[in-house]
Amino acid sequence: YSAIKQDKGVRVPFKKRLAVSEEVKRVREIGRKLTEARAARKVAKRLKEEEKRRRKQENEKRSEIVVPIKNVAKIKRMKKTQLKTIVKR
């Protein structure tokens, strides 16, 4: 490899180097903004889903039909499928 001589090439002017570095900074800034926007959308979506889930649970709880069992002996006569629907609160 010592036989191959490498030249340094043409030196890039200072103004052009500055322009290239500014362009790189601008591209990085745009990329950072896009990433932040994506993260913000993701957080907003997660919060919206949590709110929706909470509202759904509240609505289900509100729409439940609750019949208290006064005669406890009825529980012993119930079939398995009926016993599965009973919830103690």
PDB file of N, CA and C in Angstrom:
ATOM      1  N   TYR A   1       0.809  -1.197   0.000  1.00  0.00           N
ATOM      2  CA  TYR A   1       0.000   0.000   0.000  1.00  0.00           C
ATOM      3  C   TYR A   1       0.854   1.264   0.000  1.00  0.00           C
ATOM      4  N   SER A   2       2.075   1.125   0.363  1.00  0.00           N
ATOM      5  CA  SER A   2       2.915   2.323   0.424  1.00  0.00           C
ATOM      6  C   SER A   2       3.172   2.881  -0.965  1.00  0.00           C
ATOM      7  N   ALA A   3       2.999   2.038  -1.995  1.00  0.00           N
ATOM      8  CA  ALA A   3       3.235   2.510  -3.355  1.00  0.00           C
ATOM      9  C   ALA A   3       2.102   3.425  -3.819  1.00  0.00           C
ATOM     10  N   ILE A   4       0.915   3.265  -3.209  1.00  0.00           N
ATOM     11  CA  ILE A   4      -0.217   4.099  -3.608  1.00  0.00           C
ATOM     12  C   ILE A   4      -0.137   5.411  -2.845  1.00  0.00           C
ATOM     13  N   LYS A   5      -0.118   6.485  -3.581  1.00  0.00           N
ATOM     14  CA  LYS A   5      -0.034   7.790  -2.940  1.00  0.00           C
ATOM     15  C   LYS A   5      -1.426   8.420  -2.963  1.00  0.00           C
ATOM     16  N   GLN A   6      -1.885   8.837  -1.817  1.00  0.00           N
ATOM     17  CA  GLN A   6      -3.200   9.455  -1.742  1.00  0.00           C
ATOM     18  C   GLN A   6      -3.038  10.963  -1.634  1.00  0.00           C
ATOM     19  N   ASP A   7      -3.781  11.667  -2.481  1.00  0.00           N
ATOM     20  CA  ASP A   7      -3.730  13.118  -2.370  1.00  0.00           C
ATOM     21  C   ASP A   7      -4.836  13.578  -1.426  1.00  0.00           C
ATOM     22  N   LYS A   8      -4.695  14.751  -0.906  1.00  0.00           N
ATOM     23  CA  LYS A   8      -5.643  15.268   0.067  1.00  0.00           C
ATOM     24  C   LYS A   8      -6.937  15.726  -0.585  1.00  0.00           C
ATOM     25  N   GLY A   9      -6.956  15.912  -1.858  1.00  0.00           N
ATOM     26  CA  GLY A   9      -8.155  16.359  -2.542  1.00  0.00           C
ATOM     27  C   GLY A   9      -8.291  17.873  -2.465  1.00  0.00           C
ATOM     28  N   VAL A  10      -9.384  18.345  -3.018  1.00  0.00           N
ATOM     29  CA  VAL A  10      -9.613  19.781  -3.042  1.00  0.00           C
ATOM     30  C   VAL A  10     -10.194  20.207  -1.699  1.00  0.00           C
ATOM     31  N   ARG A  11      -9.651  21.261  -1.136  1.00  0.00           N
ATOM     32  CA  ARG A  11     -10.128  21.758   0.150  1.00  0.00           C
ATOM     33  C   ARG A  11     -11.466  22.474  -0.055  1.00  0.00           C
ATOM     34  N   VAL A  12     -12.438  22.115   0.786  1.00  0.00           N
ATOM     35  CA  VAL A  12     -13.767  22.710   0.696  1.00  0.00           C
ATOM     36  C   VAL A  12     -13.719  24.094   1.345  1.00  0.00           C
ATOM     37  N   PRO A  13     -14.270  25.088   0.684  1.00  0.00           N
ATOM     38  CA  PRO A  13     -14.253  26.443   1.256  1.00  0.00           C
ATOM     39  C   PRO A  13     -15.007  26.511   2.589  1.00  0.00           C
ATOM     40  N   PHE A  14     -14.608  27.472   3.412  1.00  0.00           N
ATOM     41  CA  PHE A  14     -15.175  27.620   4.752  1.00  0.00           C
ATOM     42  C   PHE A  14     -16.680  27.875   4.698  1.00  0.00           C
ATOM     43  N   LYS A  15     -17.121  28.717   3.775  1.00  0.00           N
ATOM     44  CA  LYS A  15     -18.549  29.037   3.670  1.00  0.00           C
ATOM     45  C   LYS A  15     -19.372  27.785   3.351  1.00  0.00           C
ATOM     46  N   LYS A  16     -18.825  26.952   2.481  1.00  0.00           N
ATOM     47  CA  LYS A  16     -19.542  25.735   2.114  1.00  0.00           C
ATOM     48  C   LYS A  16     -19.597  24.771   3.299  1.00  0.00           C
ATOM     49  N   ARG A  17     -18.506  24.689   4.059  1.00  0.00           N
ATOM     50  CA  ARG A  17     -18.497  23.835   5.251  1.00  0.00           C
ATOM     51  C   ARG A  17     -19.533  24.315   6.268  1.00  0.00           C
ATOM     52  N   LEU A  18     -19.612  25.641   6.429  1.00  0.00           N
ATOM     53  CA  LEU A  18     -20.612  26.199   7.337  1.00  0.00           C
ATOM     54  C   LEU A  18     -22.023  25.869   6.858  1.00  0.00           C
ATOM     55  N   ALA A  19     -22.241  26.006   5.555  1.00  0.00           N
ATOM     56  CA  ALA A  19     -23.559  25.722   4.994  1.00  0.00           C
ATOM     57  C   ALA A  19     -23.932  24.254   5.217  1.00  0.00           C
ATOM     58  N   VAL A  20     -22.972  23.368   5.012  1.00  0.00           N
ATOM     59  CA  VAL A  20     -23.231  21.936   5.209  1.00  0.00           C
ATOM     60  C   VAL A  20     -23.549  21.658   6.676  1.00  0.00           C
ATOM     61  N   SER A  21     -22.794  22.265   7.586  1.00  0.00           N
ATOM     62  CA  SER A  21     -23.038  22.027   9.006  1.00  0.00           C
ATOM     63  C   SER A  21     -24.398  22.588   9.423  1.00  0.00           C
ATOM     64  N   GLU A  22     -24.784  23.729   8.880  1.00  0.00           N
ATOM     65  CA  GLU A  22     -26.107  24.297   9.170  1.00  0.00           C
ATOM     66  C   GLU A  22     -27.213  23.374   8.646  1.00  0.00           C
ATOM     67  N   GLU A  23     -26.992  22.826   7.478  1.00  0.00           N
ATOM     68  CA  GLU A  23     -27.972  21.902   6.892  1.00  0.00           C
ATOM     69  C   GLU A  23     -28.126  20.658   7.773  1.00  0.00           C
ATOM     70  N   VAL A  24     -27.005  20.139   8.258  1.00  0.00           N
ATOM     71  CA  VAL A  24     -27.045  18.962   9.130  1.00  0.00           C
ATOM     72  C   VAL A  24     -27.803  19.296  10.414  1.00  0.00           C
ATOM     73  N   LYS A  25     -27.538  20.472  10.990  1.00  0.00           N
ATOM     74  CA  LYS A  25     -28.237  20.887  12.210  1.00  0.00           C
ATOM     75  C   LYS A  25     -29.736  21.004  11.958  1.00  0.00           C
ATOM     76  N   ARG A  26     -30.082  21.583  10.808  1.00  0.00           N
ATOM     77  CA  ARG A  26     -31.492  21.778  10.471  1.00  0.00           C
ATOM     78  C   ARG A  26     -32.202  20.422  10.327  1.00  0.00           C
ATOM     79  N   VAL A  27     -31.541  19.488   9.653  1.00  0.00           N
ATOM     80  CA  VAL A  27     -32.125  18.155   9.459  1.00  0.00           C
ATOM     81  C   VAL A  27     -32.299  17.447  10.805  1.00  0.00           C
ATOM     82  N   ARG A  28     -31.306  17.567  11.685  1.00  0.00           N
ATOM     83  CA  ARG A  28     -31.411  16.946  13.006  1.00  0.00           C
ATOM     84  C   ARG A  28     -32.556  17.553  13.808  1.00  0.00           C
ATOM     85  N   GLU A  29     -32.704  18.871  13.714  1.00  0.00           N
ATOM     86  CA  GLU A  29     -33.788  19.552  14.429  1.00  0.00           C
ATOM     87  C   GLU A  29     -35.154  19.078  13.924  1.00  0.00           C
ATOM     88  N   ILE A  30     -35.284  18.957  12.613  1.00  0.00           N
ATOM     89  CA  ILE A  30     -36.542  18.474  12.034  1.00  0.00           C
ATOM     90  C   ILE A  30     -36.825  17.049  12.513  1.00  0.00           C
ATOM     91  N   GLY A  31     -35.800  16.208  12.517  1.00  0.00           N
ATOM     92  CA  GLY A  31     -35.962  14.827  12.989  1.00  0.00           C
ATOM     93  C   GLY A  31     -36.371  14.777  14.454  1.00  0.00           C
ATOM     94  N   ARG A  32     -35.770  15.650  15.262  1.00  0.00           N
ATOM     95  CA  ARG A  32     -36.102  15.693  16.687  1.00  0.00           C
ATOM     96  C   ARG A  32     -37.555  16.136  16.889  1.00  0.00           C
ATOM     97  N   LYS A  33     -37.980  17.134  16.111  1.00  0.00           N
ATOM     98  CA  LYS A  33     -39.366  17.610  16.217  1.00  0.00           C
ATOM     99  C   LYS A  33     -40.354  16.508  15.822  1.00  0.00           C
ATOM    100  N   LEU A  34     -40.021  15.768  14.765  1.00  0.00           N
ATOM    101  CA  LEU A  34     -40.894  14.672  14.334  1.00  0.00           C
ATOM    102  C   LEU A  34     -41.004  13.600  15.417  1.00  0.00           C
ATOM    103  N   THR A  35     -39.874  13.287  16.050  1.00  0.00           N
ATOM    104  CA  THR A  35     -39.890  12.271  17.104  1.00  0.00           C
ATOM    105  C   THR A  35     -40.727  12.743  18.289  1.00  0.00           C
ATOM    106  N   GLU A  36     -40.564  14.025  18.659  1.00  0.00           N
ATOM    107  CA  GLU A  36     -41.348  14.561  19.771  1.00  0.00           C
ATOM    108  C   GLU A  36     -42.837  14.551  19.440  1.00  0.00           C
ATOM    109  N   ALA A  37     -43.168  14.906  18.203  1.00  0.00           N
ATOM    110  CA  ALA A  37     -44.578  14.916  17.798  1.00  0.00           C
ATOM    111  C   ALA A  37     -45.157  13.506  17.852  1.00  0.00           C
ATOM    112  N   ARG A  38     -44.386  12.529  17.396  1.00  0.00           N
ATOM    113  CA  ARG A  38     -44.841  11.139  17.423  1.00  0.00           C
ATOM    114  C   ARG A  38     -45.071  10.690  18.868  1.00  0.00           C
ATOM    115  N   ALA A  39     -44.131  11.055  19.756  1.00  0.00           N
ATOM    116  CA  ALA A  39     -44.270  10.675  21.163  1.00  0.00           C
ATOM    117  C   ALA A  39     -45.493  11.346  21.790  1.00  0.00           C
ATOM    118  N   ALA A  40     -45.722  12.612  21.439  1.00  0.00           N
ATOM    119  CA  ALA A  40     -46.885  13.326  21.981  1.00  0.00           C
ATOM    120  C   ALA A  40     -48.187  12.687  21.506  1.00  0.00           C
ATOM    121  N   ARG A  41     -48.225  12.291  20.230  1.00  0.00           N
ATOM    122  CA  ARG A  41     -49.422  11.622  19.709  1.00  0.00           C
ATOM    123  C   ARG A  41     -49.661  10.300  20.440  1.00  0.00           C
ATOM    124  N   LYS A  42     -48.572   9.580  20.707  1.00  0.00           N
ATOM    125  CA  LYS A  42     -48.680   8.291  21.386  1.00  0.00           C
ATOM    126  C   LYS A  42     -49.230   8.472  22.807  1.00  0.00           C
ATOM    127  N   VAL A  43     -48.722   9.487  23.514  1.00  0.00           N
ATOM    128  CA  VAL A  43     -49.189   9.755  24.878  1.00  0.00           C
ATOM    129  C   VAL A  43     -50.661  10.158  24.862  1.00  0.00           C
ATOM    130  N   ALA A  44     -51.027  11.023  23.904  1.00  0.00           N
ATOM    131  CA  ALA A  44     -52.423  11.464  23.808  1.00  0.00           C
ATOM    132  C   ALA A  44     -53.343  10.279  23.523  1.00  0.00           C
ATOM    133  N   LYS A  45     -52.908   9.390  22.653  1.00  0.00           N
ATOM    134  CA  LYS A  45     -53.715   8.213  22.313  1.00  0.00           C
ATOM    135  C   LYS A  45     -53.891   7.317  23.535  1.00  0.00           C
ATOM    136  N   ARG A  46     -52.810   7.127  24.298  1.00  0.00           N
ATOM    137  CA  ARG A  46     -52.873   6.284  25.488  1.00  0.00           C
ATOM    138  C   ARG A  46     -53.835   6.881  26.521  1.00  0.00           C
ATOM    139  N   LEU A  47     -53.747   8.200  26.730  1.00  0.00           N
ATOM    140  CA  LEU A  47     -54.642   8.859  27.680  1.00  0.00           C
ATOM    141  C   LEU A  47     -56.100   8.753  27.234  1.00  0.00           C
ATOM    142  N   LYS A  48     -56.315   8.906  25.932  1.00  0.00           N
ATOM    143  CA  LYS A  48     -57.673   8.809  25.393  1.00  0.00           C
ATOM    144  C   LYS A  48     -58.231   7.402  25.607  1.00  0.00           C
ATOM    145  N   GLU A  49     -57.407   6.379  25.373  1.00  0.00           N
ATOM    146  CA  GLU A  49     -57.849   4.998  25.565  1.00  0.00           C
ATOM    147  C   GLU A  49     -58.160   4.714  27.032  1.00  0.00           C
ATOM    148  N   GLU A  50     -57.317   5.242  27.945  1.00  0.00           N
ATOM    149  CA  GLU A  50     -57.564   5.045  29.371  1.00  0.00           C
ATOM    150  C   GLU A  50     -58.883   5.698  29.787  1.00  0.00           C
ATOM    151  N   GLU A  51     -59.115   6.915  29.289  1.00  0.00           N
ATOM    152  CA  GLU A  51     -60.362   7.617  29.591  1.00  0.00           C
ATOM    153  C   GLU A  51     -61.565   6.835  29.063  1.00  0.00           C
ATOM    154  N   LYS A  52     -61.432   6.306  27.846  1.00  0.00           N
ATOM    155  CA  LYS A  52     -62.512   5.520  27.239  1.00  0.00           C
ATOM    156  C   LYS A  52     -62.787   4.265  28.062  1.00  0.00           C
ATOM    157  N   ARG A  53     -61.727   3.591  28.491  1.00  0.00           N
ATOM    158  CA  ARG A  53     -61.871   2.375  29.295  1.00  0.00           C
ATOM    159  C   ARG A  53     -62.561   2.693  30.625  1.00  0.00           C
ATOM    160  N   ARG A  54     -62.160   3.817  31.240  1.00  0.00           N
ATOM    161  CA  ARG A  54     -62.746   4.212  32.520  1.00  0.00           C
ATOM    162  C   ARG A  54     -64.243   4.518  32.360  1.00  0.00           C
ATOM    163  N   ARG A  55     -64.585   5.266  31.297  1.00  0.00           N
ATOM    164  CA  ARG A  55     -65.989   5.597  31.043  1.00  0.00           C
ATOM    165  C   ARG A  55     -66.815   4.334  30.787  1.00  0.00           C
ATOM    166  N   LYS A  56     -66.221   3.394  30.047  1.00  0.00           N
ATOM    167  CA  LYS A  56     -66.924   2.148  29.737  1.00  0.00           C
ATOM    168  C   LYS A  56     -67.219   1.369  31.015  1.00  0.00           C
ATOM    169  N   GLN A  57     -66.243   1.304  31.919  1.00  0.00           N
ATOM    170  CA  GLN A  57     -66.453   0.605  33.185  1.00  0.00           C
ATOM    171  C   GLN A  57     -67.542   1.283  34.015  1.00  0.00           C
ATOM    172  N   GLU A  58     -67.512   2.620  34.042  1.00  0.00           N
ATOM    173  CA  GLU A  58     -68.538   3.351  34.789  1.00  0.00           C
ATOM    174  C   GLU A  58     -69.925   3.082  34.209  1.00  0.00           C
ATOM    175  N   ASN A  59     -70.023   3.088  32.885  1.00  0.00           N
ATOM    176  CA  ASN A  59     -71.311   2.841  32.240  1.00  0.00           C
ATOM    177  C   ASN A  59     -71.811   1.423  32.512  1.00  0.00           C
ATOM    178  N   GLU A  60     -70.893   0.453  32.464  1.00  0.00           N
ATOM    179  CA  GLU A  60     -71.285  -0.928  32.752  1.00  0.00           C
ATOM    180  C   GLU A  60     -71.788  -1.050  34.188  1.00  0.00           C
ATOM    181  N   LYS A  61     -71.079  -0.399  35.105  1.00  0.00           N
ATOM    182  CA  LYS A  61     -71.471  -0.464  36.507  1.00  0.00           C
ATOM    183  C   LYS A  61     -72.831   0.203  36.715  1.00  0.00           C
ATOM    184  N   ARG A  62     -73.061   1.319  36.020  1.00  0.00           N
ATOM    185  CA  ARG A  62     -74.323   2.045  36.135  1.00  0.00           C
ATOM    186  C   ARG A  62     -75.493   1.241  35.559  1.00  0.00           C
ATOM    187  N   SER A  63     -75.215   0.489  34.492  1.00  0.00           N
ATOM    188  CA  SER A  63     -76.299  -0.224  33.811  1.00  0.00           C
ATOM    189  C   SER A  63     -76.584  -1.606  34.399  1.00  0.00           C
ATOM    190  N   GLU A  64     -75.823  -2.005  35.404  1.00  0.00           N
ATOM    191  CA  GLU A  64     -76.051  -3.313  36.010  1.00  0.00           C
ATOM    192  C   GLU A  64     -77.398  -3.351  36.725  1.00  0.00           C
ATOM    193  N   ILE A  65     -78.013  -4.498  36.637  1.00  0.00           N
ATOM    194  CA  ILE A  65     -79.262  -4.711  37.364  1.00  0.00           C
ATOM    195  C   ILE A  65     -78.919  -5.514  38.611  1.00  0.00           C
ATOM    196  N   VAL A  66     -79.157  -4.914  39.762  1.00  0.00           N
ATOM    197  CA  VAL A  66     -78.784  -5.545  41.021  1.00  0.00           C
ATOM    198  C   VAL A  66     -80.046  -5.980  41.749  1.00  0.00           C
ATOM    199  N   VAL A  67     -80.091  -7.271  42.053  1.00  0.00           N
ATOM    200  CA  VAL A  67     -81.216  -7.819  42.815  1.00  0.00           C
ATOM    201  C   VAL A  67     -80.644  -8.494  44.056  1.00  0.00           C
ATOM    202  N   PRO A  68     -80.860  -7.906  45.206  1.00  0.00           N
ATOM    203  CA  PRO A  68     -80.322  -8.535  46.423  1.00  0.00           C
ATOM    204  C   PRO A  68     -81.067  -9.829  46.749  1.00  0.00           C
ATOM    205  N   ILE A  69     -80.322 -10.841  47.157  1.00  0.00           N
ATOM    206  CA  ILE A  69     -80.922 -12.128  47.521  1.00  0.00           C
ATOM    207  C   ILE A  69     -81.213 -12.075  49.018  1.00  0.00           C
ATOM    208  N   LYS A  70     -82.496 -12.055  49.334  1.00  0.00           N
ATOM    209  CA  LYS A  70     -82.888 -11.969  50.746  1.00  0.00           C
ATOM    210  C   LYS A  70     -82.962 -13.360  51.369  1.00  0.00           C
ATOM    211  N   ASN A  71     -83.413 -14.322  50.575  1.00  0.00           N
ATOM    212  CA  ASN A  71     -83.519 -15.688  51.071  1.00  0.00           C
ATOM    213  C   ASN A  71     -82.239 -16.433  50.693  1.00  0.00           C
ATOM    214  N   VAL A  72     -81.377 -16.672  51.661  1.00  0.00           N
ATOM    215  CA  VAL A  72     -80.085 -17.302  51.414  1.00  0.00           C
ATOM    216  C   VAL A  72     -80.246 -18.763  51.003  1.00  0.00           C
ATOM    217  N   ALA A  73     -81.348 -19.373  51.342  1.00  0.00           N
ATOM    218  CA  ALA A  73     -81.583 -20.775  50.999  1.00  0.00           C
ATOM    219  C   ALA A  73     -81.710 -20.960  49.489  1.00  0.00           C
ATOM    220  N   LYS A  74     -82.051 -19.883  48.784  1.00  0.00           N
ATOM    221  CA  LYS A  74     -82.158 -19.965  47.323  1.00  0.00           C
ATOM    222  C   LYS A  74     -80.808 -20.302  46.694  1.00  0.00           C
ATOM    223  N   ILE A  75     -79.746 -19.811  47.295  1.00  0.00           N
ATOM    224  CA  ILE A  75     -78.402 -20.036  46.751  1.00  0.00           C
ATOM    225  C   ILE A  75     -78.100 -21.531  46.708  1.00  0.00           C
ATOM    226  N   LYS A  76     -78.532 -22.259  47.719  1.00  0.00           N
ATOM    227  CA  LYS A  76     -78.256 -23.697  47.770  1.00  0.00           C
ATOM    228  C   LYS A  76     -79.038 -24.461  46.708  1.00  0.00           C
ATOM    229  N   ARG A  77     -80.174 -23.923  46.291  1.00  0.00           N
ATOM    230  CA  ARG A  77     -80.986 -24.601  45.281  1.00  0.00           C
ATOM    231  C   ARG A  77     -80.559 -24.256  43.856  1.00  0.00           C
ATOM    232  N   MET A  78     -79.726 -23.247  43.707  1.00  0.00           N
ATOM    233  CA  MET A  78     -79.337 -22.786  42.365  1.00  0.00           C
ATOM    234  C   MET A  78     -78.423 -23.778  41.668  1.00  0.00           C
ATOM    235  N   LYS A  79     -78.496 -23.751  40.352  1.00  0.00           N
ATOM    236  CA  LYS A  79     -77.603 -24.572  39.541  1.00  0.00           C
ATOM    237  C   LYS A  79     -76.256 -23.862  39.399  1.00  0.00           C
ATOM    238  N   LYS A  80     -75.262 -24.601  38.885  1.00  0.00           N
ATOM    239  CA  LYS A  80     -73.916 -24.041  38.751  1.00  0.00           C
ATOM    240  C   LYS A  80     -73.881 -22.813  37.853  1.00  0.00           C
ATOM    241  N   THR A  81     -74.615 -22.866  36.750  1.00  0.00           N
ATOM    242  CA  THR A  81     -74.597 -21.732  35.812  1.00  0.00           C
ATOM    243  C   THR A  81     -75.169 -20.479  36.449  1.00  0.00           C
ATOM    244  N   GLN A  82     -76.187 -20.650  37.296  1.00  0.00           N
ATOM    245  CA  GLN A  82     -76.763 -19.501  37.986  1.00  0.00           C
ATOM    246  C   GLN A  82     -75.811 -18.975  39.055  1.00  0.00           C
ATOM    247  N   LEU A  83     -75.104 -19.885  39.715  1.00  0.00           N
ATOM    248  CA  LEU A  83     -74.165 -19.471  40.762  1.00  0.00           C
ATOM    249  C   LEU A  83     -73.013 -18.644  40.187  1.00  0.00           C
ATOM    250  N   LYS A  84     -72.657 -18.922  38.937  1.00  0.00           N
ATOM    251  CA  LYS A  84     -71.558 -18.180  38.312  1.00  0.00           C
ATOM    252  C   LYS A  84     -71.906 -16.711  38.095  1.00  0.00           C
ATOM    253  N   THR A  85     -73.206 -16.435  37.934  1.00  0.00           N
ATOM    254  CA  THR A  85     -73.616 -15.049  37.682  1.00  0.00           C
ATOM    255  C   THR A  85     -73.691 -14.222  38.960  1.00  0.00           C
ATOM    256  N   ILE A  86     -73.709 -14.877  40.110  1.00  0.00           N
ATOM    257  CA  ILE A  86     -73.829 -14.156  41.382  1.00  0.00           C
ATOM    258  C   ILE A  86     -72.494 -13.502  41.728  1.00  0.00           C
ATOM    259  N   VAL A  87     -72.580 -12.245  42.126  1.00  0.00           N
ATOM    260  CA  VAL A  87     -71.387 -11.510  42.545  1.00  0.00           C
ATOM    261  C   VAL A  87     -71.655 -10.947  43.927  1.00  0.00           C
ATOM    262  N   LYS A  88     -70.740 -11.197  44.845  1.00  0.00           N
ATOM    263  CA  LYS A  88     -70.902 -10.690  46.199  1.00  0.00           C
ATOM    264  C   LYS A  88     -70.237  -9.325  46.295  1.00  0.00           C
ATOM    265  N   ARG A  89     -70.988  -8.367  46.843  1.00  0.00           N
ATOM    266  CA  ARG A  89     -70.435  -7.008  46.984  1.00  0.00           C
ATOM    267  C   ARG A  89     -70.659  -6.488  48.370  1.00  0.00           C
TER     268      ARG A  89
END
